[in-house]
Amino acid sequence: MAAVGVLTLELRLEHSHSLKDKRHVVEGLKARLRGKFNVAVAEIDYQDLWQRAAVAVVTVSSDHAHAEKVLRSVEDEAASLLGGELAGATVEWLA
C-alpha cells in the first residue's frame, strides 16, 4: 500500500515588509524543494499576512520508510535555507 506523507512547515518571516517580500521567500523555498526532492509543494495558509506562511510538502511512496526519509530531508533543507524563520514542522500520514 502507498504511503502518503504531508510535511507542514510554519514560517515566521520577521524581515518581510510586504506581500512581495514574503512571496519572494516562499516561491524560492517552493522551487528549491520541488527541484531537489521531486515533491509537491504549496502555500496553504496565511496568504494575506506579510510575516507568516504555511507550506505543505507532499510525497507518495510504496515504502513508508522511504517517504519518511524524503520528508525529513525536506525538513532539514528548509531549516538550512530558512534558519530561524522556520517556526515549526509537523508530519501527517494519510495512508
PDB file of N, CA and C in Angstrom:
ATOM      1  N   MET A   1       0.834  -1.186   0.000  1.00  0.00           N
ATOM      2  CA  MET A   1       0.000   0.000   0.000  1.00  0.00           C
ATOM      3  C   MET A   1       0.880   1.252   0.000  1.00  0.00           C
ATOM      4  N   ALA A   2       0.447   2.257  -0.683  1.00  0.00           N
ATOM      5  CA  ALA A   2       1.207   3.501  -0.796  1.00  0.00           C
ATOM      6  C   ALA A   2       1.188   4.280   0.524  1.00  0.00           C
ATOM      7  N   ALA A   3       2.290   4.938   0.790  1.00  0.00           N
ATOM      8  CA  ALA A   3       2.393   5.832   1.946  1.00  0.00           C
ATOM      9  C   ALA A   3       2.358   7.260   1.418  1.00  0.00           C
ATOM     10  N   VAL A   4       1.445   8.063   1.954  1.00  0.00           N
ATOM     11  CA  VAL A   4       1.326   9.465   1.576  1.00  0.00           C
ATOM     12  C   VAL A   4       1.663  10.302   2.800  1.00  0.00           C
ATOM     13  N   GLY A   5       2.739  11.053   2.704  1.00  0.00           N
ATOM     14  CA  GLY A   5       3.176  11.881   3.814  1.00  0.00           C
ATOM     15  C   GLY A   5       3.036  13.354   3.499  1.00  0.00           C
ATOM     16  N   VAL A   6       2.573  14.110   4.486  1.00  0.00           N
ATOM     17  CA  VAL A   6       2.415  15.562   4.346  1.00  0.00           C
ATOM     18  C   VAL A   6       3.226  16.246   5.440  1.00  0.00           C
ATOM     19  N   LEU A   7       4.190  17.037   5.021  1.00  0.00           N
ATOM     20  CA  LEU A   7       5.000  17.834   5.931  1.00  0.00           C
ATOM     21  C   LEU A   7       4.496  19.265   5.863  1.00  0.00           C
ATOM     22  N   THR A   8       4.089  19.811   7.000  1.00  0.00           N
ATOM     23  CA  THR A   8       3.631  21.199   7.052  1.00  0.00           C
ATOM     24  C   THR A   8       4.703  22.043   7.726  1.00  0.00           C
ATOM     25  N   LEU A   9       5.147  23.069   7.021  1.00  0.00           N
ATOM     26  CA  LEU A   9       6.167  23.983   7.531  1.00  0.00           C
ATOM     27  C   LEU A   9       5.513  25.301   7.903  1.00  0.00           C
ATOM     28  N   GLU A  10       5.730  25.751   9.126  1.00  0.00           N
ATOM     29  CA  GLU A  10       5.234  27.052   9.586  1.00  0.00           C
ATOM     30  C   GLU A  10       6.387  28.042   9.533  1.00  0.00           C
ATOM     31  N   LEU A  11       6.188  29.150   8.815  1.00  0.00           N
ATOM     32  CA  LEU A  11       7.232  30.159   8.663  1.00  0.00           C
ATOM     33  C   LEU A  11       6.825  31.452   9.343  1.00  0.00           C
ATOM     34  N   ARG A  12       7.788  32.074  10.005  1.00  0.00           N
ATOM     35  CA  ARG A  12       7.625  33.429  10.550  1.00  0.00           C
ATOM     36  C   ARG A  12       8.696  34.290   9.896  1.00  0.00           C
ATOM     37  N   LEU A  13       8.253  35.181   9.055  1.00  0.00           N
ATOM     38  CA  LEU A  13       9.161  35.989   8.233  1.00  0.00           C
ATOM     39  C   LEU A  13       9.269  37.396   8.815  1.00  0.00           C
ATOM     40  N   GLU A  14      10.063  37.530   9.860  1.00  0.00           N
ATOM     41  CA  GLU A  14      10.188  38.796  10.590  1.00  0.00           C
ATOM     42  C   GLU A  14      10.722  39.933   9.716  1.00  0.00           C
ATOM     43  N   HIS A  15      11.529  39.619   8.712  1.00  0.00           N
ATOM     44  CA  HIS A  15      12.140  40.661   7.890  1.00  0.00           C
ATOM     45  C   HIS A  15      11.304  41.011   6.653  1.00  0.00           C
ATOM     46  N   SER A  16      10.142  40.399   6.532  1.00  0.00           N
ATOM     47  CA  SER A  16       9.259  40.688   5.411  1.00  0.00           C
ATOM     48  C   SER A  16       8.442  41.942   5.721  1.00  0.00           C
ATOM     49  N   HIS A  17       8.437  42.875   4.779  1.00  0.00           N
ATOM     50  CA  HIS A  17       7.711  44.131   4.982  1.00  0.00           C
ATOM     51  C   HIS A  17       6.577  44.321   3.990  1.00  0.00           C
ATOM     52  N   SER A  18       6.343  43.305   3.162  1.00  0.00           N
ATOM     53  CA  SER A  18       5.245  43.369   2.193  1.00  0.00           C
ATOM     54  C   SER A  18       4.942  41.956   1.718  1.00  0.00           C
ATOM     55  N   LEU A  19       3.817  41.809   1.048  1.00  0.00           N
ATOM     56  CA  LEU A  19       3.490  40.511   0.476  1.00  0.00           C
ATOM     57  C   LEU A  19       4.493  40.125  -0.611  1.00  0.00           C
ATOM     58  N   LYS A  20       5.064  41.115  -1.268  1.00  0.00           N
ATOM     59  CA  LYS A  20       6.078  40.847  -2.288  1.00  0.00           C
ATOM     60  C   LYS A  20       7.333  40.231  -1.653  1.00  0.00           C
ATOM     61  N   ASP A  21       7.759  40.768  -0.514  1.00  0.00           N
ATOM     62  CA  ASP A  21       8.907  40.196   0.206  1.00  0.00           C
ATOM     63  C   ASP A  21       8.617  38.750   0.605  1.00  0.00           C
ATOM     64  N   LYS A  22       7.427  38.533   1.142  1.00  0.00           N
ATOM     65  CA  LYS A  22       7.038  37.196   1.569  1.00  0.00           C
ATOM     66  C   LYS A  22       7.004  36.245   0.373  1.00  0.00           C
ATOM     67  N   ARG A  23       6.405  36.669  -0.709  1.00  0.00           N
ATOM     68  CA  ARG A  23       6.287  35.829  -1.909  1.00  0.00           C
ATOM     69  C   ARG A  23       7.664  35.422  -2.425  1.00  0.00           C
ATOM     70  N   HIS A  24       8.621  36.337  -2.353  1.00  0.00           N
ATOM     71  CA  HIS A  24       9.984  36.036  -2.791  1.00  0.00           C
ATOM     72  C   HIS A  24      10.568  34.868  -1.992  1.00  0.00           C
ATOM     73  N   VAL A  25      10.396  34.881  -0.687  1.00  0.00           N
ATOM     74  CA  VAL A  25      10.916  33.820   0.173  1.00  0.00           C
ATOM     75  C   VAL A  25      10.172  32.513  -0.080  1.00  0.00           C
ATOM     76  N   VAL A  26       8.839  32.569  -0.094  1.00  0.00           N
ATOM     77  CA  VAL A  26       8.030  31.362  -0.236  1.00  0.00           C
ATOM     78  C   VAL A  26       8.229  30.714  -1.604  1.00  0.00           C
ATOM     79  N   GLU A  27       8.216  31.505  -2.666  1.00  0.00           N
ATOM     80  CA  GLU A  27       8.399  30.944  -4.009  1.00  0.00           C
ATOM     81  C   GLU A  27       9.790  30.340  -4.176  1.00  0.00           C
ATOM     82  N   GLY A  28      10.792  30.975  -3.599  1.00  0.00           N
ATOM     83  CA  GLY A  28      12.148  30.424  -3.648  1.00  0.00           C
ATOM     84  C   GLY A  28      12.236  29.087  -2.927  1.00  0.00           C
ATOM     85  N   LEU A  29      11.602  29.011  -1.755  1.00  0.00           N
ATOM     86  CA  LEU A  29      11.582  27.767  -0.994  1.00  0.00           C
ATOM     87  C   LEU A  29      10.867  26.672  -1.778  1.00  0.00           C
ATOM     88  N   LYS A  30       9.708  26.994  -2.321  1.00  0.00           N
ATOM     89  CA  LYS A  30       8.933  26.003  -3.076  1.00  0.00           C
ATOM     90  C   LYS A  30       9.728  25.477  -4.273  1.00  0.00           C
ATOM     91  N   ALA A  31      10.344  26.352  -5.017  1.00  0.00           N
ATOM     92  CA  ALA A  31      11.114  25.935  -6.195  1.00  0.00           C
ATOM     93  C   ALA A  31      12.293  25.056  -5.797  1.00  0.00           C
ATOM     94  N   ARG A  32      12.977  25.424  -4.736  1.00  0.00           N
ATOM     95  CA  ARG A  32      14.137  24.655  -4.284  1.00  0.00           C
ATOM     96  C   ARG A  32      13.738  23.244  -3.863  1.00  0.00           C
ATOM     97  N   LEU A  33      12.650  23.139  -3.083  1.00  0.00           N
ATOM     98  CA  LEU A  33      12.215  21.834  -2.593  1.00  0.00           C
ATOM     99  C   LEU A  33      11.691  20.949  -3.721  1.00  0.00           C
ATOM    100  N   ARG A  34      10.927  21.551  -4.639  1.00  0.00           N
ATOM    101  CA  ARG A  34      10.433  20.783  -5.791  1.00  0.00           C
ATOM    102  C   ARG A  34      11.591  20.236  -6.624  1.00  0.00           C
ATOM    103  N   GLY A  35      12.532  21.085  -6.921  1.00  0.00           N
ATOM    104  CA  GLY A  35      13.649  20.707  -7.775  1.00  0.00           C
ATOM    105  C   GLY A  35      14.573  19.685  -7.151  1.00  0.00           C
ATOM    106  N   LYS A  36      14.827  19.826  -5.873  1.00  0.00           N
ATOM    107  CA  LYS A  36      15.803  18.944  -5.220  1.00  0.00           C
ATOM    108  C   LYS A  36      15.217  17.598  -4.809  1.00  0.00           C
ATOM    109  N   PHE A  37      13.931  17.577  -4.416  1.00  0.00           N
ATOM    110  CA  PHE A  37      13.353  16.363  -3.840  1.00  0.00           C
ATOM    111  C   PHE A  37      12.206  15.755  -4.640  1.00  0.00           C
ATOM    112  N   ASN A  38      11.781  16.393  -5.720  1.00  0.00           N
ATOM    113  CA  ASN A  38      10.679  15.891  -6.540  1.00  0.00           C
ATOM    114  C   ASN A  38       9.424  15.650  -5.693  1.00  0.00           C
ATOM    115  N   VAL A  39       9.012  16.670  -4.958  1.00  0.00           N
ATOM    116  CA  VAL A  39       7.828  16.617  -4.109  1.00  0.00           C
ATOM    117  C   VAL A  39       6.842  17.686  -4.568  1.00  0.00           C
ATOM    118  N   ALA A  40       5.594  17.546  -4.152  1.00  0.00           N
ATOM    119  CA  ALA A  40       4.583  18.581  -4.405  1.00  0.00           C
ATOM    120  C   ALA A  40       4.645  19.584  -3.256  1.00  0.00           C
ATOM    121  N   VAL A  41       4.606  20.877  -3.590  1.00  0.00           N
ATOM    122  CA  VAL A  41       4.722  21.926  -2.575  1.00  0.00           C
ATOM    123  C   VAL A  41       3.684  23.006  -2.856  1.00  0.00           C
ATOM    124  N   ALA A  42       2.998  23.461  -1.799  1.00  0.00           N
ATOM    125  CA  ALA A  42       2.012  24.533  -1.959  1.00  0.00           C
ATOM    126  C   ALA A  42       1.943  25.372  -0.694  1.00  0.00           C
ATOM    127  N   GLU A  43       1.712  26.664  -0.878  1.00  0.00           N
ATOM    128  CA  GLU A  43       1.418  27.537   0.266  1.00  0.00           C
ATOM    129  C   GLU A  43      -0.037  27.288   0.623  1.00  0.00           C
ATOM    130  N   ILE A  44      -0.306  26.951   1.880  1.00  0.00           N
ATOM    131  CA  ILE A  44      -1.653  26.524   2.242  1.00  0.00           C
ATOM    132  C   ILE A  44      -2.392  27.445   3.213  1.00  0.00           C
ATOM    133  N   ASP A  45      -1.704  28.411   3.795  1.00  0.00           N
ATOM    134  CA  ASP A  45      -2.392  29.277   4.754  1.00  0.00           C
ATOM    135  C   ASP A  45      -1.645  30.603   4.893  1.00  0.00           C
ATOM    136  N   TYR A  46      -2.339  31.590   5.438  1.00  0.00           N
ATOM    137  CA  TYR A  46      -1.796  32.923   5.739  1.00  0.00           C
ATOM    138  C   TYR A  46      -1.386  33.692   4.478  1.00  0.00           C
ATOM    139  N   GLN A  47      -2.057  33.451   3.362  1.00  0.00           N
ATOM    140  CA  GLN A  47      -1.680  34.122   2.122  1.00  0.00           C
ATOM    141  C   GLN A  47      -1.794  35.648   2.209  1.00  0.00           C
ATOM    142  N   ASP A  48      -2.640  36.151   3.097  1.00  0.00           N
ATOM    143  CA  ASP A  48      -2.845  37.593   3.189  1.00  0.00           C
ATOM    144  C   ASP A  48      -1.993  38.267   4.272  1.00  0.00           C
ATOM    145  N   LEU A  49      -1.157  37.495   4.966  1.00  0.00           N
ATOM    146  CA  LEU A  49      -0.295  38.068   6.008  1.00  0.00           C
ATOM    147  C   LEU A  49       1.138  38.199   5.502  1.00  0.00           C
ATOM    148  N   TRP A  50       1.812  39.271   5.878  1.00  0.00           N
ATOM    149  CA  TRP A  50       3.168  39.539   5.405  1.00  0.00           C
ATOM    150  C   TRP A  50       4.219  38.670   6.068  1.00  0.00           C
ATOM    151  N   GLN A  51       4.029  38.385   7.340  1.00  0.00           N
ATOM    152  CA  GLN A  51       5.116  37.770   8.105  1.00  0.00           C
ATOM    153  C   GLN A  51       4.835  36.339   8.547  1.00  0.00           C
ATOM    154  N   ARG A  52       3.824  35.710   7.984  1.00  0.00           N
ATOM    155  CA  ARG A  52       3.534  34.309   8.294  1.00  0.00           C
ATOM    156  C   ARG A  52       3.241  33.557   7.009  1.00  0.00           C
ATOM    157  N   ALA A  53       3.598  32.274   7.013  1.00  0.00           N
ATOM    158  CA  ALA A  53       3.272  31.411   5.885  1.00  0.00           C
ATOM    159  C   ALA A  53       3.201  29.978   6.374  1.00  0.00           C
ATOM    160  N   ALA A  54       2.365  29.200   5.726  1.00  0.00           N
ATOM    161  CA  ALA A  54       2.314  27.752   5.965  1.00  0.00           C
ATOM    162  C   ALA A  54       2.468  27.087   4.605  1.00  0.00           C
ATOM    163  N   VAL A  55       3.415  26.174   4.531  1.00  0.00           N
ATOM    164  CA  VAL A  55       3.722  25.489   3.275  1.00  0.00           C
ATOM    165  C   VAL A  55       3.596  23.988   3.515  1.00  0.00           C
ATOM    166  N   ALA A  56       2.867  23.300   2.622  1.00  0.00           N
ATOM    167  CA  ALA A  56       2.729  21.848   2.714  1.00  0.00           C
ATOM    168  C   ALA A  56       3.585  21.195   1.643  1.00  0.00           C
ATOM    169  N   VAL A  57       4.251  20.119   2.037  1.00  0.00           N
ATOM    170  CA  VAL A  57       5.091  19.327   1.136  1.00  0.00           C
ATOM    171  C   VAL A  57       4.549  17.900   1.178  1.00  0.00           C
ATOM    172  N   VAL A  58       4.276  17.334   0.006  1.00  0.00           N
ATOM    173  CA  VAL A  58       3.671  16.003  -0.055  1.00  0.00           C
ATOM    174  C   VAL A  58       4.552  15.069  -0.863  1.00  0.00           C
ATOM    175  N   THR A  59       4.691  13.839  -0.357  1.00  0.00           N
ATOM    176  CA  THR A  59       5.377  12.794  -1.099  1.00  0.00           C
ATOM    177  C   THR A  59       4.558  11.517  -1.025  1.00  0.00           C
ATOM    178  N   VAL A  60       4.661  10.710  -2.073  1.00  0.00           N
ATOM    179  CA  VAL A  60       3.989   9.413  -2.141  1.00  0.00           C
ATOM    180  C   VAL A  60       5.034   8.365  -2.474  1.00  0.00           C
ATOM    181  N   SER A  61       4.984   7.246  -1.754  1.00  0.00           N
ATOM    182  CA  SER A  61       5.944   6.183  -1.992  1.00  0.00           C
ATOM    183  C   SER A  61       5.306   4.839  -1.653  1.00  0.00           C
ATOM    184  N   SER A  62       5.797   3.796  -2.262  1.00  0.00           N
ATOM    185  CA  SER A  62       5.319   2.455  -1.922  1.00  0.00           C
ATOM    186  C   SER A  62       5.942   1.990  -0.609  1.00  0.00           C
ATOM    187  N   ASP A  63       6.959   2.681  -0.137  1.00  0.00           N
ATOM    188  CA  ASP A  63       7.677   2.319   1.081  1.00  0.00           C
ATOM    189  C   ASP A  63       7.577   3.458   2.099  1.00  0.00           C
ATOM    190  N   HIS A  64       6.963   3.174   3.240  1.00  0.00           N
ATOM    191  CA  HIS A  64       6.779   4.190   4.282  1.00  0.00           C
ATOM    192  C   HIS A  64       8.125   4.771   4.742  1.00  0.00           C
ATOM    193  N   ALA A  65       9.118   3.913   4.919  1.00  0.00           N
ATOM    194  CA  ALA A  65      10.433   4.371   5.389  1.00  0.00           C
ATOM    195  C   ALA A  65      11.066   5.342   4.403  1.00  0.00           C
ATOM    196  N   HIS A  66      10.916   5.064   3.108  1.00  0.00           N
ATOM    197  CA  HIS A  66      11.472   5.973   2.092  1.00  0.00           C
ATOM    198  C   HIS A  66      10.751   7.322   2.124  1.00  0.00           C
ATOM    199  N   ALA A  67       9.434   7.305   2.229  1.00  0.00           N
ATOM    200  CA  ALA A  67       8.667   8.550   2.289  1.00  0.00           C
ATOM    201  C   ALA A  67       9.068   9.374   3.512  1.00  0.00           C
ATOM    202  N   GLU A  68       9.261   8.694   4.637  1.00  0.00           N
ATOM    203  CA  GLU A  68       9.673   9.395   5.856  1.00  0.00           C
ATOM    204  C   GLU A  68      11.055  10.011   5.690  1.00  0.00           C
ATOM    205  N   LYS A  69      11.963   9.286   5.051  1.00  0.00           N
ATOM    206  CA  LYS A  69      13.313   9.800   4.810  1.00  0.00           C
ATOM    207  C   LYS A  69      13.271  11.039   3.918  1.00  0.00           C
ATOM    208  N   VAL A  70      12.431  11.012   2.890  1.00  0.00           N
ATOM    209  CA  VAL A  70      12.298  12.163   1.993  1.00  0.00           C
ATOM    210  C   VAL A  70      11.797  13.377   2.765  1.00  0.00           C
ATOM    211  N   LEU A  71      10.757  13.200   3.563  1.00  0.00           N
ATOM    212  CA  LEU A  71      10.200  14.341   4.296  1.00  0.00           C
ATOM    213  C   LEU A  71      11.170  14.876   5.336  1.00  0.00           C
ATOM    214  N   ARG A  72      11.942  14.031   5.972  1.00  0.00           N
ATOM    215  CA  ARG A  72      12.950  14.503   6.931  1.00  0.00           C
ATOM    216  C   ARG A  72      14.053  15.280   6.204  1.00  0.00           C
ATOM    217  N   SER A  73      14.422  14.821   5.029  1.00  0.00           N
ATOM    218  CA  SER A  73      15.426  15.540   4.230  1.00  0.00           C
ATOM    219  C   SER A  73      14.898  16.898   3.801  1.00  0.00           C
ATOM    220  N   VAL A  74      13.623  16.949   3.430  1.00  0.00           N
ATOM    221  CA  VAL A  74      12.995  18.222   3.056  1.00  0.00           C
ATOM    222  C   VAL A  74      12.992  19.167   4.255  1.00  0.00           C
ATOM    223  N   GLU A  75      12.636  18.658   5.420  1.00  0.00           N
ATOM    224  CA  GLU A  75      12.624  19.491   6.626  1.00  0.00           C
ATOM    225  C   GLU A  75      14.018  20.021   6.937  1.00  0.00           C
ATOM    226  N   ASP A  76      15.030  19.177   6.820  1.00  0.00           N
ATOM    227  CA  ASP A  76      16.410  19.615   7.062  1.00  0.00           C
ATOM    228  C   ASP A  76      16.828  20.697   6.073  1.00  0.00           C
ATOM    229  N   GLU A  77      16.465  20.529   4.804  1.00  0.00           N
ATOM    230  CA  GLU A  77      16.794  21.526   3.775  1.00  0.00           C
ATOM    231  C   GLU A  77      16.102  22.854   4.066  1.00  0.00           C
ATOM    232  N   ALA A  78      14.821  22.787   4.428  1.00  0.00           N
ATOM    233  CA  ALA A  78      14.068  24.007   4.747  1.00  0.00           C
ATOM    234  C   ALA A  78      14.701  24.712   5.948  1.00  0.00           C
ATOM    235  N   ALA A  79      15.102  23.947   6.955  1.00  0.00           N
ATOM    236  CA  ALA A  79      15.737  24.540   8.140  1.00  0.00           C
ATOM    237  C   ALA A  79      17.049  25.219   7.774  1.00  0.00           C
ATOM    238  N   SER A  80      17.816  24.602   6.873  1.00  0.00           N
ATOM    239  CA  SER A  80      19.086  25.219   6.488  1.00  0.00           C
ATOM    240  C   SER A  80      18.870  26.465   5.640  1.00  0.00           C
ATOM    241  N   LEU A  81      17.830  26.479   4.835  1.00  0.00           N
ATOM    242  CA  LEU A  81      17.537  27.653   4.000  1.00  0.00           C
ATOM    243  C   LEU A  81      16.932  28.800   4.808  1.00  0.00           C
ATOM    244  N   LEU A  82      16.033  28.461   5.734  1.00  0.00           N
ATOM    245  CA  LEU A  82      15.261  29.483   6.441  1.00  0.00           C
ATOM    246  C   LEU A  82      15.850  29.887   7.787  1.00  0.00           C
ATOM    247  N   GLY A  83      16.632  29.018   8.383  1.00  0.00           N
ATOM    248  CA  GLY A  83      17.179  29.315   9.705  1.00  0.00           C
ATOM    249  C   GLY A  83      16.071  29.525  10.714  1.00  0.00           C
ATOM    250  N   GLY A  84      16.133  30.625  11.442  1.00  0.00           N
ATOM    251  CA  GLY A  84      15.154  30.945  12.471  1.00  0.00           C
ATOM    252  C   GLY A  84      13.777  31.282  11.950  1.00  0.00           C
ATOM    253  N   GLU A  85      13.638  31.467  10.647  1.00  0.00           N
ATOM    254  CA  GLU A  85      12.321  31.764  10.084  1.00  0.00           C
ATOM    255  C   GLU A  85      11.420  30.536  10.035  1.00  0.00           C
ATOM    256  N   LEU A  86      11.992  29.349  10.186  1.00  0.00           N
ATOM    257  CA  LEU A  86      11.193  28.125  10.254  1.00  0.00           C
ATOM    258  C   LEU A  86      10.719  27.968  11.695  1.00  0.00           C
ATOM    259  N   ALA A  87       9.431  28.220  11.911  1.00  0.00           N
ATOM    260  CA  ALA A  87       8.885  28.215  13.268  1.00  0.00           C
ATOM    261  C   ALA A  87       8.439  26.832  13.721  1.00  0.00           C
ATOM    262  N   GLY A  88       8.145  25.944  12.792  1.00  0.00           N
ATOM    263  CA  GLY A  88       7.701  24.618  13.187  1.00  0.00           C
ATOM    264  C   GLY A  88       7.485  23.727  11.986  1.00  0.00           C
ATOM    265  N   ALA A  89       7.460  22.420  12.255  1.00  0.00           N
ATOM    266  CA  ALA A  89       7.231  21.443  11.197  1.00  0.00           C
ATOM    267  C   ALA A  89       6.490  20.249  11.800  1.00  0.00           C
ATOM    268  N   THR A  90       5.474  19.770  11.080  1.00  0.00           N
ATOM    269  CA  THR A  90       4.731  18.599  11.511  1.00  0.00           C
ATOM    270  C   THR A  90       4.557  17.668  10.320  1.00  0.00           C
ATOM    271  N   VAL A  91       4.478  16.366  10.618  1.00  0.00           N
ATOM    272  CA  VAL A  91       4.277  15.356   9.579  1.00  0.00           C
ATOM    273  C   VAL A  91       2.997  14.605   9.875  1.00  0.00           C
ATOM    274  N   GLU A  92       2.191  14.405   8.831  1.00  0.00           N
ATOM    275  CA  GLU A  92       0.972  13.608   8.918  1.00  0.00           C
ATOM    276  C   GLU A  92       1.043  12.510   7.861  1.00  0.00           C
ATOM    277  N   TRP A  93       0.459  11.366   8.154  1.00  0.00           N
ATOM    278  CA  TRP A  93       0.420  10.246   7.214  1.00  0.00           C
ATOM    279  C   TRP A  93      -1.016   9.981   6.826  1.00  0.00           C
ATOM    280  N   LEU A  94      -1.258   9.946   5.523  1.00  0.00           N
ATOM    281  CA  LEU A  94      -2.613   9.755   5.026  1.00  0.00           C
ATOM    282  C   LEU A  94      -2.900   8.317   4.640  1.00  0.00           C
ATOM    283  N   ALA A  95      -1.870   7.522   4.433  1.00  0.00           N
ATOM    284  CA  ALA A  95      -2.090   6.118   4.072  1.00  0.00           C
ATOM    285  C   ALA A  95      -0.967   5.279   4.612  1.00  0.00           C
TER     286      ALA A  95
END
